Amino acid sequence: MDKKLLDIICCPVTQLPLQLLDTDRLQRLNAAIAAGVVKSRAEEPVADALEEALVTRDGRLVYPVRDGIPVLLEDAAVDLRSLPDDACA
């Protein structure tokens, strides 16, 4: 993920700055995806593991990054508050 891009993009829902989701939380999110408990804000199951993801500075919403391109669509976001407590705390 290009650091310059991170300086200029923000969450389309909250307008908060975004940062890369750290490796530990990404692994836990991917484990929850594999367990079938992750849904997007559009209530669609997230089936594919994420190689990278962006998270709002408040840690609430996660956006997938596909082939180096952030998918900043509200419906593609995952609300971490909707996951089990141990999934991405």
PDB file of N, CA and C in Angstrom:
ATOM      1  N   MET A   1       0.848  -1.173   0.000  1.00  0.00           N
ATOM      2  CA  MET A   1       0.000   0.000   0.000  1.00  0.00           C
ATOM      3  C   MET A   1       0.890   1.232   0.000  1.00  0.00           C
ATOM      4  N   ASP A   2       0.633   2.132  -0.897  1.00  0.00           N
ATOM      5  CA  ASP A   2       1.422   3.349  -1.050  1.00  0.00           C
ATOM      6  C   ASP A   2       1.167   4.314   0.106  1.00  0.00           C
ATOM      7  N   LYS A   3       2.212   4.697   0.816  1.00  0.00           N
ATOM      8  CA  LYS A   3       2.098   5.604   1.968  1.00  0.00           C
ATOM      9  C   LYS A   3       1.530   6.960   1.555  1.00  0.00           C
ATOM     10  N   LYS A   4       1.868   7.436   0.366  1.00  0.00           N
ATOM     11  CA  LYS A   4       1.339   8.723  -0.098  1.00  0.00           C
ATOM     12  C   LYS A   4      -0.178   8.653  -0.258  1.00  0.00           C
ATOM     13  N   LEU A   5      -0.665   7.525  -0.732  1.00  0.00           N
ATOM     14  CA  LEU A   5      -2.099   7.346  -0.884  1.00  0.00           C
ATOM     15  C   LEU A   5      -2.789   7.358   0.484  1.00  0.00           C
ATOM     16  N   LEU A   6      -2.168   6.725   1.466  1.00  0.00           N
ATOM     17  CA  LEU A   6      -2.737   6.707   2.815  1.00  0.00           C
ATOM     18  C   LEU A   6      -2.869   8.103   3.403  1.00  0.00           C
ATOM     19  N   ASP A   7      -2.007   9.011   2.989  1.00  0.00           N
ATOM     20  CA  ASP A   7      -2.056  10.375   3.505  1.00  0.00           C
ATOM     21  C   ASP A   7      -3.257  11.155   2.979  1.00  0.00           C
ATOM     22  N   ILE A   8      -3.836  10.719   1.856  1.00  0.00           N
ATOM     23  CA  ILE A   8      -4.904  11.522   1.263  1.00  0.00           C
ATOM     24  C   ILE A   8      -6.283  10.867   1.274  1.00  0.00           C
ATOM     25  N   ILE A   9      -6.366   9.579   1.558  1.00  0.00           N
ATOM     26  CA  ILE A   9      -7.683   8.934   1.552  1.00  0.00           C
ATOM     27  C   ILE A   9      -8.246   8.880   2.965  1.00  0.00           C
ATOM     28  N   CYS A  10      -9.561   8.769   3.028  1.00  0.00           N
ATOM     29  CA  CYS A  10     -10.227   8.633   4.324  1.00  0.00           C
ATOM     30  C   CYS A  10     -11.435   7.719   4.163  1.00  0.00           C
ATOM     31  N   CYS A  11     -12.002   7.347   5.261  1.00  0.00           N
ATOM     32  CA  CYS A  11     -13.173   6.483   5.283  1.00  0.00           C
ATOM     33  C   CYS A  11     -14.361   7.238   4.683  1.00  0.00           C
ATOM     34  N   PRO A  12     -15.054   6.639   3.718  1.00  0.00           N
ATOM     35  CA  PRO A  12     -16.204   7.317   3.133  1.00  0.00           C
ATOM     36  C   PRO A  12     -17.405   7.414   4.081  1.00  0.00           C
ATOM     37  N   VAL A  13     -17.407   6.637   5.144  1.00  0.00           N
ATOM     38  CA  VAL A  13     -18.524   6.648   6.097  1.00  0.00           C
ATOM     39  C   VAL A  13     -18.270   7.641   7.221  1.00  0.00           C
ATOM     40  N   THR A  14     -17.101   7.540   7.854  1.00  0.00           N
ATOM     41  CA  THR A  14     -16.815   8.347   9.038  1.00  0.00           C
ATOM     42  C   THR A  14     -15.937   9.560   8.754  1.00  0.00           C
ATOM     43  N   GLN A  15     -15.319   9.582   7.586  1.00  0.00           N
ATOM     44  CA  GLN A  15     -14.358  10.626   7.192  1.00  0.00           C
ATOM     45  C   GLN A  15     -13.074  10.589   8.031  1.00  0.00           C
ATOM     46  N   LEU A  16     -12.871   9.521   8.793  1.00  0.00           N
ATOM     47  CA  LEU A  16     -11.653   9.374   9.584  1.00  0.00           C
ATOM     48  C   LEU A  16     -10.505   8.910   8.698  1.00  0.00           C
ATOM     49  N   PRO A  17      -9.272   9.265   9.063  1.00  0.00           N
ATOM     50  CA  PRO A  17      -8.116   8.756   8.315  1.00  0.00           C
ATOM     51  C   PRO A  17      -8.045   7.240   8.411  1.00  0.00           C
ATOM     52  N   LEU A  18      -7.384   6.640   7.432  1.00  0.00           N
ATOM     53  CA  LEU A  18      -7.217   5.190   7.382  1.00  0.00           C
ATOM     54  C   LEU A  18      -5.756   4.826   7.575  1.00  0.00           C
ATOM     55  N   GLN A  19      -5.524   3.654   8.103  1.00  0.00           N
ATOM     56  CA  GLN A  19      -4.175   3.119   8.255  1.00  0.00           C
ATOM     57  C   GLN A  19      -4.214   1.636   7.951  1.00  0.00           C
ATOM     58  N   LEU A  20      -3.060   1.067   7.684  1.00  0.00           N
ATOM     59  CA  LEU A  20      -2.997  -0.373   7.418  1.00  0.00           C
ATOM     60  C   LEU A  20      -3.372  -1.154   8.671  1.00  0.00           C
ATOM     61  N   LEU A  21      -4.146  -2.198   8.477  1.00  0.00           N
ATOM     62  CA  LEU A  21      -4.483  -3.090   9.576  1.00  0.00           C
ATOM     63  C   LEU A  21      -3.237  -3.898   9.906  1.00  0.00           C
ATOM     64  N   ASP A  22      -2.858  -3.922  11.176  1.00  0.00           N
ATOM     65  CA  ASP A  22      -1.622  -4.620  11.558  1.00  0.00           C
ATOM     66  C   ASP A  22      -1.751  -6.121  11.322  1.00  0.00           C
ATOM     67  N   THR A  23      -0.606  -6.773  11.213  1.00  0.00           N
ATOM     68  CA  THR A  23      -0.535  -8.189  10.849  1.00  0.00           C
ATOM     69  C   THR A  23      -1.326  -9.076  11.801  1.00  0.00           C
ATOM     70  N   ASP A  24      -1.223  -8.827  13.098  1.00  0.00           N
ATOM     71  CA  ASP A  24      -1.922  -9.658  14.079  1.00  0.00           C
ATOM     72  C   ASP A  24      -3.435  -9.567  13.895  1.00  0.00           C
ATOM     73  N   ARG A  25      -3.949  -8.371  13.782  1.00  0.00           N
ATOM     74  CA  ARG A  25      -5.394  -8.194  13.606  1.00  0.00           C
ATOM     75  C   ARG A  25      -5.847  -8.725  12.242  1.00  0.00           C
ATOM     76  N   LEU A  26      -5.011  -8.593  11.219  1.00  0.00           N
ATOM     77  CA  LEU A  26      -5.344  -9.130   9.898  1.00  0.00           C
ATOM     78  C   LEU A  26      -5.459 -10.655   9.963  1.00  0.00           C
ATOM     79  N   GLN A  27      -4.540 -11.294  10.671  1.00  0.00           N
ATOM     80  CA  GLN A  27      -4.589 -12.758  10.809  1.00  0.00           C
ATOM     81  C   GLN A  27      -5.848 -13.193  11.557  1.00  0.00           C
ATOM     82  N   ARG A  28      -6.215 -12.458  12.599  1.00  0.00           N
ATOM     83  CA  ARG A  28      -7.427 -12.796  13.346  1.00  0.00           C
ATOM     84  C   ARG A  28      -8.681 -12.570  12.499  1.00  0.00           C
ATOM     85  N   LEU A  29      -8.678 -11.494  11.703  1.00  0.00           N
ATOM     86  CA  LEU A  29      -9.800 -11.242  10.809  1.00  0.00           C
ATOM     87  C   LEU A  29      -9.905 -12.354   9.771  1.00  0.00           C
ATOM     88  N   ASN A  30      -8.782 -12.767   9.204  1.00  0.00           N
ATOM     89  CA  ASN A  30      -8.796 -13.858   8.228  1.00  0.00           C
ATOM     90  C   ASN A  30      -9.259 -15.173   8.846  1.00  0.00           C
ATOM     91  N   ALA A  31      -8.913 -15.412  10.098  1.00  0.00           N
ATOM     92  CA  ALA A  31      -9.397 -16.615  10.784  1.00  0.00           C
ATOM     93  C   ALA A  31     -10.918 -16.550  10.937  1.00  0.00           C
ATOM     94  N   ALA A  32     -11.450 -15.376  11.244  1.00  0.00           N
ATOM     95  CA  ALA A  32     -12.902 -15.206  11.364  1.00  0.00           C
ATOM     96  C   ALA A  32     -13.574 -15.360  10.001  1.00  0.00           C
ATOM     97  N   ILE A  33     -12.914 -14.880   8.944  1.00  0.00           N
ATOM     98  CA  ILE A  33     -13.439 -15.064   7.587  1.00  0.00           C
ATOM     99  C   ILE A  33     -13.503 -16.554   7.263  1.00  0.00           C
ATOM    100  N   ALA A  34     -12.426 -17.284   7.573  1.00  0.00           N
ATOM    101  CA  ALA A  34     -12.386 -18.726   7.321  1.00  0.00           C
ATOM    102  C   ALA A  34     -13.463 -19.471   8.113  1.00  0.00           C
ATOM    103  N   ALA A  35     -13.782 -18.944   9.301  1.00  0.00           N
ATOM    104  CA  ALA A  35     -14.818 -19.567  10.131  1.00  0.00           C
ATOM    105  C   ALA A  35     -16.222 -19.195   9.655  1.00  0.00           C
ATOM    106  N   GLY A  36     -16.318 -18.274   8.711  1.00  0.00           N
ATOM    107  CA  GLY A  36     -17.611 -17.909   8.147  1.00  0.00           C
ATOM    108  C   GLY A  36     -18.432 -16.941   8.971  1.00  0.00           C
ATOM    109  N   VAL A  37     -17.776 -16.187   9.865  1.00  0.00           N
ATOM    110  CA  VAL A  37     -18.537 -15.276  10.730  1.00  0.00           C
ATOM    111  C   VAL A  37     -18.426 -13.803  10.319  1.00  0.00           C
ATOM    112  N   VAL A  38     -17.766 -13.519   9.213  1.00  0.00           N
ATOM    113  CA  VAL A  38     -17.568 -12.129   8.801  1.00  0.00           C
ATOM    114  C   VAL A  38     -18.528 -11.769   7.678  1.00  0.00           C
ATOM    115  N   LYS A  39     -19.239 -10.659   7.880  1.00  0.00           N
ATOM    116  CA  LYS A  39     -20.127 -10.119   6.854  1.00  0.00           C
ATOM    117  C   LYS A  39     -19.756  -8.664   6.605  1.00  0.00           C
ATOM    118  N   SER A  40     -19.977  -8.249   5.375  1.00  0.00           N
ATOM    119  CA  SER A  40     -19.758  -6.845   5.039  1.00  0.00           C
ATOM    120  C   SER A  40     -20.921  -6.023   5.595  1.00  0.00           C
ATOM    121  N   ARG A  41     -20.792  -4.699   5.489  1.00  0.00           N
ATOM    122  CA  ARG A  41     -21.897  -3.832   5.928  1.00  0.00           C
ATOM    123  C   ARG A  41     -23.144  -4.052   5.082  1.00  0.00           C
ATOM    124  N   ALA A  42     -22.990  -4.643   3.903  1.00  0.00           N
ATOM    125  CA  ALA A  42     -24.127  -4.983   3.042  1.00  0.00           C
ATOM    126  C   ALA A  42     -24.738  -6.326   3.447  1.00  0.00           C
ATOM    127  N   GLU A  43     -24.248  -6.902   4.560  1.00  0.00           N
ATOM    128  CA  GLU A  43     -24.719  -8.192   5.070  1.00  0.00           C
ATOM    129  C   GLU A  43     -24.383  -9.361   4.154  1.00  0.00           C
ATOM    130  N   GLU A  44     -23.373  -9.182   3.295  1.00  0.00           N
ATOM    131  CA  GLU A  44     -22.896 -10.254   2.434  1.00  0.00           C
ATOM    132  C   GLU A  44     -21.742 -10.969   3.141  1.00  0.00           C
ATOM    133  N   PRO A  45     -21.694 -12.302   3.105  1.00  0.00           N
ATOM    134  CA  PRO A  45     -20.570 -13.017   3.717  1.00  0.00           C
ATOM    135  C   PRO A  45     -19.261 -12.659   3.003  1.00  0.00           C
ATOM    136  N   VAL A  46     -18.220 -12.460   3.787  1.00  0.00           N
ATOM    137  CA  VAL A  46     -16.886 -12.240   3.222  1.00  0.00           C
ATOM    138  C   VAL A  46     -16.238 -13.608   3.130  1.00  0.00           C
ATOM    139  N   ALA A  47     -15.956 -14.046   1.909  1.00  0.00           N
ATOM    140  CA  ALA A  47     -15.472 -15.412   1.699  1.00  0.00           C
ATOM    141  C   ALA A  47     -13.972 -15.493   1.478  1.00  0.00           C
ATOM    142  N   ASP A  48     -13.378 -14.439   0.941  1.00  0.00           N
ATOM    143  CA  ASP A  48     -11.955 -14.474   0.585  1.00  0.00           C
ATOM    144  C   ASP A  48     -11.097 -13.808   1.652  1.00  0.00           C
ATOM    145  N   ALA A  49     -10.011 -14.481   2.002  1.00  0.00           N
ATOM    146  CA  ALA A  49      -9.061 -13.906   2.956  1.00  0.00           C
ATOM    147  C   ALA A  49      -8.465 -12.626   2.372  1.00  0.00           C
ATOM    148  N   LEU A  50      -8.057 -11.742   3.244  1.00  0.00           N
ATOM    149  CA  LEU A  50      -7.499 -10.456   2.837  1.00  0.00           C
ATOM    150  C   LEU A  50      -5.983 -10.481   2.941  1.00  0.00           C
ATOM    151  N   GLU A  51      -5.311 -10.008   1.898  1.00  0.00           N
ATOM    152  CA  GLU A  51      -3.857  -9.873   1.953  1.00  0.00           C
ATOM    153  C   GLU A  51      -3.476  -8.588   2.677  1.00  0.00           C
ATOM    154  N   GLU A  52      -4.283  -7.553   2.465  1.00  0.00           N
ATOM    155  CA  GLU A  52      -4.103  -6.268   3.129  1.00  0.00           C
ATOM    156  C   GLU A  52      -5.470  -5.688   3.415  1.00  0.00           C
ATOM    157  N   ALA A  53      -5.521  -4.797   4.394  1.00  0.00           N
ATOM    158  CA  ALA A  53      -6.769  -4.114   4.711  1.00  0.00           C
ATOM    159  C   ALA A  53      -6.439  -2.774   5.356  1.00  0.00           C
ATOM    160  N   LEU A  54      -7.363  -1.857   5.222  1.00  0.00           N
ATOM    161  CA  LEU A  54      -7.246  -0.550   5.866  1.00  0.00           C
ATOM    162  C   LEU A  54      -8.282  -0.476   6.969  1.00  0.00           C
ATOM    163  N   VAL A  55      -7.923   0.183   8.051  1.00  0.00           N
ATOM    164  CA  VAL A  55      -8.829   0.327   9.180  1.00  0.00           C
ATOM    165  C   VAL A  55      -8.911   1.807   9.540  1.00  0.00           C
ATOM    166  N   THR A  56     -10.089   2.227   9.979  1.00  0.00           N
ATOM    167  CA  THR A  56     -10.233   3.605  10.430  1.00  0.00           C
ATOM    168  C   THR A  56      -9.427   3.795  11.712  1.00  0.00           C
ATOM    169  N   ARG A  57      -9.023   5.012  11.956  1.00  0.00           N
ATOM    170  CA  ARG A  57      -8.184   5.277  13.138  1.00  0.00           C
ATOM    171  C   ARG A  57      -8.873   4.909  14.446  1.00  0.00           C
ATOM    172  N   ASP A  58     -10.211   4.891  14.443  1.00  0.00           N
ATOM    173  CA  ASP A  58     -10.920   4.480  15.658  1.00  0.00           C
ATOM    174  C   ASP A  58     -11.055   2.958  15.762  1.00  0.00           C
ATOM    175  N   GLY A  59     -10.539   2.233  14.736  1.00  0.00           N
ATOM    176  CA  GLY A  59     -10.548   0.774  14.763  1.00  0.00           C
ATOM    177  C   GLY A  59     -11.898   0.144  14.498  1.00  0.00           C
ATOM    178  N   ARG A  60     -12.842   0.894  13.983  1.00  0.00           N
ATOM    179  CA  ARG A  60     -14.206   0.389  13.814  1.00  0.00           C
ATOM    180  C   ARG A  60     -14.445  -0.293  12.474  1.00  0.00           C
ATOM    181  N   LEU A  61     -14.054   0.345  11.376  1.00  0.00           N
ATOM    182  CA  LEU A  61     -14.342  -0.188  10.053  1.00  0.00           C
ATOM    183  C   LEU A  61     -13.080  -0.620   9.330  1.00  0.00           C
ATOM    184  N   VAL A  62     -13.179  -1.740   8.630  1.00  0.00           N
ATOM    185  CA  VAL A  62     -12.062  -2.275   7.851  1.00  0.00           C
ATOM    186  C   VAL A  62     -12.494  -2.338   6.388  1.00  0.00           C
ATOM    187  N   TYR A  63     -11.585  -1.893   5.517  1.00  0.00           N
ATOM    188  CA  TYR A  63     -11.813  -1.943   4.077  1.00  0.00           C
ATOM    189  C   TYR A  63     -10.776  -2.858   3.443  1.00  0.00           C
ATOM    190  N   PRO A  64     -11.206  -3.742   2.540  1.00  0.00           N
ATOM    191  CA  PRO A  64     -10.233  -4.619   1.881  1.00  0.00           C
ATOM    192  C   PRO A  64      -9.357  -3.848   0.899  1.00  0.00           C
ATOM    193  N   VAL A  65      -8.156  -4.361   0.700  1.00  0.00           N
ATOM    194  CA  VAL A  65      -7.254  -3.852  -0.334  1.00  0.00           C
ATOM    195  C   VAL A  65      -7.036  -5.020  -1.282  1.00  0.00           C
ATOM    196  N   ARG A  66      -7.419  -4.851  -2.517  1.00  0.00           N
ATOM    197  CA  ARG A  66      -7.299  -5.913  -3.518  1.00  0.00           C
ATOM    198  C   ARG A  66      -6.290  -5.493  -4.577  1.00  0.00           C
ATOM    199  N   ASP A  67      -5.245  -6.286  -4.768  1.00  0.00           N
ATOM    200  CA  ASP A  67      -4.198  -5.986  -5.750  1.00  0.00           C
ATOM    201  C   ASP A  67      -3.640  -4.582  -5.556  1.00  0.00           C
ATOM    202  N   GLY A  68      -3.472  -4.171  -4.299  1.00  0.00           N
ATOM    203  CA  GLY A  68      -2.902  -2.869  -3.979  1.00  0.00           C
ATOM    204  C   GLY A  68      -3.868  -1.711  -4.081  1.00  0.00           C
ATOM    205  N   ILE A  69      -5.141  -1.993  -4.392  1.00  0.00           N
ATOM    206  CA  ILE A  69      -6.134  -0.932  -4.554  1.00  0.00           C
ATOM    207  C   ILE A  69      -7.165  -1.026  -3.426  1.00  0.00           C
ATOM    208  N   PRO A  70      -7.290   0.040  -2.623  1.00  0.00           N
ATOM    209  CA  PRO A  70      -8.278   0.014  -1.552  1.00  0.00           C
ATOM    210  C   PRO A  70      -9.701   0.042  -2.121  1.00  0.00           C
ATOM    211  N   VAL A  71     -10.551  -0.811  -1.575  1.00  0.00           N
ATOM    212  CA  VAL A  71     -11.955  -0.859  -1.985  1.00  0.00           C
ATOM    213  C   VAL A  71     -12.736  -0.043  -0.955  1.00  0.00           C
ATOM    214  N   LEU A  72     -12.869   1.251  -1.239  1.00  0.00           N
ATOM    215  CA  LEU A  72     -13.482   2.169  -0.280  1.00  0.00           C
ATOM    216  C   LEU A  72     -14.970   2.361  -0.562  1.00  0.00           C
ATOM    217  N   LEU A  73     -15.676   1.265  -0.557  1.00  0.00           N
ATOM    218  CA  LEU A  73     -17.124   1.283  -0.728  1.00  0.00           C
ATOM    219  C   LEU A  73     -17.764   0.922   0.604  1.00  0.00           C
ATOM    220  N   GLU A  74     -18.764   1.684   0.991  1.00  0.00           N
ATOM    221  CA  GLU A  74     -19.410   1.435   2.280  1.00  0.00           C
ATOM    222  C   GLU A  74     -19.873  -0.007   2.411  1.00  0.00           C
ATOM    223  N   ASP A  75     -20.452  -0.549   1.354  1.00  0.00           N
ATOM    224  CA  ASP A  75     -20.958  -1.924   1.403  1.00  0.00           C
ATOM    225  C   ASP A  75     -19.859  -2.970   1.508  1.00  0.00           C
ATOM    226  N   ALA A  76     -18.617  -2.627   1.129  1.00  0.00           N
ATOM    227  CA  ALA A  76     -17.501  -3.572   1.194  1.00  0.00           C
ATOM    228  C   ALA A  76     -16.829  -3.576   2.562  1.00  0.00           C
ATOM    229  N   ALA A  77     -17.128  -2.580   3.376  1.00  0.00           N
ATOM    230  CA  ALA A  77     -16.495  -2.454   4.695  1.00  0.00           C
ATOM    231  C   ALA A  77     -16.997  -3.549   5.639  1.00  0.00           C
ATOM    232  N   VAL A  78     -16.151  -3.881   6.590  1.00  0.00           N
ATOM    233  CA  VAL A  78     -16.507  -4.806   7.664  1.00  0.00           C
ATOM    234  C   VAL A  78     -16.503  -4.000   8.953  1.00  0.00           C
ATOM    235  N   ASP A  79     -17.606  -4.049   9.676  1.00  0.00           N
ATOM    236  CA  ASP A  79     -17.701  -3.374  10.968  1.00  0.00           C
ATOM    237  C   ASP A  79     -17.178  -4.337  12.023  1.00  0.00           C
ATOM    238  N   LEU A  80     -16.025  -4.007  12.592  1.00  0.00           N
ATOM    239  CA  LEU A  80     -15.397  -4.915  13.553  1.00  0.00           C
ATOM    240  C   LEU A  80     -16.238  -5.107  14.804  1.00  0.00           C
ATOM    241  N   ARG A  81     -17.130  -4.179  15.085  1.00  0.00           N
ATOM    242  CA  ARG A  81     -17.989  -4.328  16.269  1.00  0.00           C
ATOM    243  C   ARG A  81     -18.993  -5.462  16.092  1.00  0.00           C
ATOM    244  N   SER A  82     -19.214  -5.914  14.857  1.00  0.00           N
ATOM    245  CA  SER A  82     -20.176  -6.987  14.608  1.00  0.00           C
ATOM    246  C   SER A  82     -19.549  -8.380  14.738  1.00  0.00           C
ATOM    247  N   LEU A  83     -18.246  -8.432  14.972  1.00  0.00           N
ATOM    248  CA  LEU A  83     -17.542  -9.717  15.066  1.00  0.00           C
ATOM    249  C   LEU A  83     -17.476 -10.184  16.509  1.00  0.00           C
ATOM    250  N   PRO A  84     -17.252 -11.474  16.725  1.00  0.00           N
ATOM    251  CA  PRO A  84     -17.038 -11.959  18.081  1.00  0.00           C
ATOM    252  C   PRO A  84     -15.868 -11.203  18.734  1.00  0.00           C
ATOM    253  N   ASP A  85     -15.918 -11.042  20.026  1.00  0.00           N
ATOM    254  CA  ASP A  85     -14.937 -10.234  20.748  1.00  0.00           C
ATOM    255  C   ASP A  85     -13.492 -10.612  20.472  1.00  0.00           C
ATOM    256  N   ASP A  86     -13.217 -11.878  20.285  1.00  0.00           N
ATOM    257  CA  ASP A  86     -11.830 -12.304  20.092  1.00  0.00           C
ATOM    258  C   ASP A  86     -11.368 -12.252  18.637  1.00  0.00           C
ATOM    259  N   ALA A  87     -12.254 -11.890  17.707  1.00  0.00           N
ATOM    260  CA  ALA A  87     -11.899 -11.925  16.285  1.00  0.00           C
ATOM    261  C   ALA A  87     -10.885 -10.863  15.898  1.00  0.00           C
ATOM    262  N   CYS A  88     -11.058  -9.649  16.360  1.00  0.00           N
ATOM    263  CA  CYS A  88     -10.130  -8.575  15.961  1.00  0.00           C
ATOM    264  C   CYS A  88      -9.922  -7.545  17.047  1.00  0.00           C
ATOM    265  N   ALA A  89     -10.081  -7.932  18.249  1.00  0.00           N
ATOM    266  CA  ALA A  89      -9.936  -6.972  19.354  1.00  0.00           C
ATOM    267  C   ALA A  89      -8.542  -6.409  19.429  1.00  0.00           C
TER     268      ALA A  89
END
